[in-house]
């Protein structure tokens, strides 16, 4: 739950009891619960409004897909793990062996228009 472990929850509960006192803590918990419920309702309403405004072709829109990180992960990196070729990755030395070498004393070709 939000990356919070049981020890952290106990510490938060103790701090809440110390700060708000045992008399005001239940009222504060009710208020926090109402606030959380209203925020969730506002988020759900915003998502539904977005789906309604975009039309039926975007009915399966997931708002989490609008996050740039998840977009890249889903659309660009999706097929990288499913490669069919099981060839081992060659090292840079293997690639250097396949490049033809110039004879000693010969200069590399130079194109002044390409720079």
C-alpha atoms as a PDB file:
ATOM      1  CA  UNK A   1       0.000   0.000   0.000  1.00  0.00           C
ATOM      2  CA  UNK A   2       1.884   3.088  -1.243  1.00  0.00           C
ATOM      3  CA  UNK A   3       5.181   1.439  -0.350  1.00  0.00           C
ATOM      4  CA  UNK A   4       4.501   1.825   3.374  1.00  0.00           C
ATOM      5  CA  UNK A   5       5.288  -1.144   5.577  1.00  0.00           C
ATOM      6  CA  UNK A   6       3.628  -2.169   8.842  1.00  0.00           C
ATOM      7  CA  UNK A   7       6.283  -0.470  10.982  1.00  0.00           C
ATOM      8  CA  UNK A   8       5.729   2.836   9.206  1.00  0.00           C
ATOM      9  CA  UNK A   9       1.957   2.538   9.721  1.00  0.00           C
ATOM     10  CA  UNK A  10       2.489   1.999  13.461  1.00  0.00           C
ATOM     11  CA  UNK A  11       4.757   5.055  13.646  1.00  0.00           C
ATOM     12  CA  UNK A  12       2.185   7.157  11.745  1.00  0.00           C
ATOM     13  CA  UNK A  13      -0.578   5.976  14.109  1.00  0.00           C
ATOM     14  CA  UNK A  14       1.490   6.849  17.187  1.00  0.00           C
ATOM     15  CA  UNK A  15       2.340  10.290  15.811  1.00  0.00           C
ATOM     16  CA  UNK A  16      -1.347  10.876  14.975  1.00  0.00           C
ATOM     17  CA  UNK A  17      -2.399   9.970  18.529  1.00  0.00           C
ATOM     18  CA  UNK A  18       0.235  12.296  19.967  1.00  0.00           C
ATOM     19  CA  UNK A  19      -0.624  15.196  17.634  1.00  0.00           C
ATOM     20  CA  UNK A  20      -4.417  15.015  17.667  1.00  0.00           C
ATOM     21  CA  UNK A  21      -5.040  13.281  20.965  1.00  0.00           C
ATOM     22  CA  UNK A  22      -7.267  10.267  21.507  1.00  0.00           C
ATOM     23  CA  UNK A  23     -10.406  12.454  21.757  1.00  0.00           C
ATOM     24  CA  UNK A  24     -10.062  14.221  18.384  1.00  0.00           C
ATOM     25  CA  UNK A  25      -8.506  11.312  16.451  1.00  0.00           C
ATOM     26  CA  UNK A  26     -11.813   9.560  15.495  1.00  0.00           C
ATOM     27  CA  UNK A  27     -13.237  12.835  14.193  1.00  0.00           C
ATOM     28  CA  UNK A  28     -10.064  13.497  12.213  1.00  0.00           C
ATOM     29  CA  UNK A  29     -10.192   9.959  10.757  1.00  0.00           C
ATOM     30  CA  UNK A  30     -13.823  10.498   9.668  1.00  0.00           C
ATOM     31  CA  UNK A  31     -12.925  13.809   8.038  1.00  0.00           C
ATOM     32  CA  UNK A  32      -9.940  12.254   6.255  1.00  0.00           C
ATOM     33  CA  UNK A  33     -12.145   9.384   5.047  1.00  0.00           C
ATOM     34  CA  UNK A  34     -14.726  11.823   3.661  1.00  0.00           C
ATOM     35  CA  UNK A  35     -11.992  13.819   1.940  1.00  0.00           C
ATOM     36  CA  UNK A  36     -10.518  10.675   0.377  1.00  0.00           C
ATOM     37  CA  UNK A  37     -13.970   9.558  -0.803  1.00  0.00           C
ATOM     38  CA  UNK A  38     -14.616  12.982  -2.393  1.00  0.00           C
ATOM     39  CA  UNK A  39     -11.236  12.967  -4.144  1.00  0.00           C
ATOM     40  CA  UNK A  40     -11.881   9.475  -5.543  1.00  0.00           C
ATOM     41  CA  UNK A  41     -15.328  10.567  -6.726  1.00  0.00           C
ATOM     42  CA  UNK A  42     -13.848  13.660  -8.421  1.00  0.00           C
ATOM     43  CA  UNK A  43     -11.212  11.522 -10.178  1.00  0.00           C
ATOM     44  CA  UNK A  44     -13.835   9.022 -11.372  1.00  0.00           C
ATOM     45  CA  UNK A  45     -16.047  11.865 -12.633  1.00  0.00           C
ATOM     46  CA  UNK A  46     -13.126  13.434 -14.493  1.00  0.00           C
ATOM     47  CA  UNK A  47     -12.273  10.091 -16.123  1.00  0.00           C
ATOM     48  CA  UNK A  48     -15.891   9.536 -17.154  1.00  0.00           C
ATOM     49  CA  UNK A  49     -16.150  13.090 -18.545  1.00  0.00           C
ATOM     50  CA  UNK A  50     -12.956  12.541 -20.526  1.00  0.00           C
ATOM     51  CA  UNK A  51     -14.281   9.269 -21.981  1.00  0.00           C
ATOM     52  CA  UNK A  52     -17.615  10.872 -22.851  1.00  0.00           C
ATOM     53  CA  UNK A  53     -15.996  13.875 -24.542  1.00  0.00           C
ATOM     54  CA  UNK A  54     -13.547  11.766 -26.556  1.00  0.00           C
ATOM     55  CA  UNK A  55     -16.319   9.582 -27.943  1.00  0.00           C
ATOM     56  CA  UNK A  56     -16.853   5.860 -28.443  1.00  0.00           C
ATOM     57  CA  UNK A  57     -13.570   5.223 -30.264  1.00  0.00           C
ATOM     58  CA  UNK A  58     -11.720   5.983 -26.999  1.00  0.00           C
ATOM     59  CA  UNK A  59     -14.073   4.035 -24.725  1.00  0.00           C
ATOM     60  CA  UNK A  60     -11.265   1.697 -23.652  1.00  0.00           C
ATOM     61  CA  UNK A  61      -8.980   4.605 -22.702  1.00  0.00           C
ATOM     62  CA  UNK A  62      -6.991   4.000 -19.553  1.00  0.00           C
ATOM     63  CA  UNK A  63      -5.809   7.230 -17.941  1.00  0.00           C
ATOM     64  CA  UNK A  64      -2.615   5.512 -16.762  1.00  0.00           C
ATOM     65  CA  UNK A  65      -1.639   5.191 -20.442  1.00  0.00           C
ATOM     66  CA  UNK A  66      -1.324   8.988 -20.605  1.00  0.00           C
ATOM     67  CA  UNK A  67       1.732   8.851 -18.351  1.00  0.00           C
ATOM     68  CA  UNK A  68       4.767   9.304 -20.656  1.00  0.00           C
ATOM     69  CA  UNK A  69       6.741   6.511 -18.971  1.00  0.00           C
ATOM     70  CA  UNK A  70       3.975   3.948 -19.330  1.00  0.00           C
ATOM     71  CA  UNK A  71       3.310   5.130 -22.899  1.00  0.00           C
ATOM     72  CA  UNK A  72       6.915   4.472 -23.899  1.00  0.00           C
ATOM     73  CA  UNK A  73       6.948   1.153 -22.062  1.00  0.00           C
ATOM     74  CA  UNK A  74       3.687  -0.005 -23.651  1.00  0.00           C
ATOM     75  CA  UNK A  75       4.085   1.202 -27.229  1.00  0.00           C
ATOM     76  CA  UNK A  76       7.791   1.318 -27.918  1.00  0.00           C
ATOM     77  CA  UNK A  77       9.385  -1.314 -25.707  1.00  0.00           C
ATOM     78  CA  UNK A  78       6.533  -3.823 -25.846  1.00  0.00           C
ATOM     79  CA  UNK A  79       8.014  -6.145 -28.483  1.00  0.00           C
ATOM     80  CA  UNK A  80      11.631  -6.089 -27.361  1.00  0.00           C
ATOM     81  CA  UNK A  81      11.261  -9.056 -25.017  1.00  0.00           C
ATOM     82  CA  UNK A  82       9.423 -11.109 -27.628  1.00  0.00           C
ATOM     83  CA  UNK A  83      12.221 -11.274 -30.203  1.00  0.00           C
ATOM     84  CA  UNK A  84      12.296 -14.592 -32.025  1.00  0.00           C
ATOM     85  CA  UNK A  85      15.978 -14.567 -32.787  1.00  0.00           C
ATOM     86  CA  UNK A  86      17.897 -16.261 -30.007  1.00  0.00           C
ATOM     87  CA  UNK A  87      21.292 -15.353 -31.363  1.00  0.00           C
ATOM     88  CA  UNK A  88      23.756 -14.189 -28.745  1.00  0.00           C
ATOM     89  CA  UNK A  89      24.662 -10.524 -28.861  1.00  0.00           C
ATOM     90  CA  UNK A  90      28.019 -10.084 -30.566  1.00  0.00           C
ATOM     91  CA  UNK A  91      30.718  -8.052 -28.925  1.00  0.00           C
ATOM     92  CA  UNK A  92      32.225  -4.937 -30.458  1.00  0.00           C
ATOM     93  CA  UNK A  93      35.396  -6.897 -31.218  1.00  0.00           C
ATOM     94  CA  UNK A  94      33.396  -9.298 -33.389  1.00  0.00           C
ATOM     95  CA  UNK A  95      32.036  -6.308 -35.308  1.00  0.00           C
ATOM     96  CA  UNK A  96      35.532  -4.850 -35.765  1.00  0.00           C
ATOM     97  CA  UNK A  97      36.741  -8.095 -37.326  1.00  0.00           C
ATOM     98  CA  UNK A  98      34.069  -7.843 -40.032  1.00  0.00           C
ATOM     99  CA  UNK A  99      35.086  -4.291 -41.096  1.00  0.00           C
ATOM    100  CA  UNK A 100      37.517  -4.242 -44.040  1.00  0.00           C
ATOM    101  CA  UNK A 101      40.869  -2.661 -43.186  1.00  0.00           C
ATOM    102  CA  UNK A 102      42.771  -0.163 -45.312  1.00  0.00           C
ATOM    103  CA  UNK A 103      46.235  -1.115 -46.536  1.00  0.00           C
ATOM    104  CA  UNK A 104      49.107   0.502 -44.651  1.00  0.00           C
ATOM    105  CA  UNK A 105      49.798   4.066 -45.801  1.00  0.00           C
ATOM    106  CA  UNK A 106      46.440   4.531 -47.585  1.00  0.00           C
ATOM    107  CA  UNK A 107      44.253   7.393 -46.392  1.00  0.00           C
ATOM    108  CA  UNK A 108      40.586   6.956 -45.598  1.00  0.00           C
ATOM    109  CA  UNK A 109      38.162   8.325 -48.206  1.00  0.00           C
ATOM    110  CA  UNK A 110      37.056  11.906 -47.542  1.00  0.00           C
ATOM    111  CA  UNK A 111      34.058  13.733 -48.984  1.00  0.00           C
ATOM    112  CA  UNK A 112      34.274  17.498 -48.472  1.00  0.00           C
ATOM    113  CA  UNK A 113      30.593  17.963 -49.365  1.00  0.00           C
ATOM    114  CA  UNK A 114      29.378  15.687 -46.577  1.00  0.00           C
ATOM    115  CA  UNK A 115      30.759  17.796 -43.760  1.00  0.00           C
END
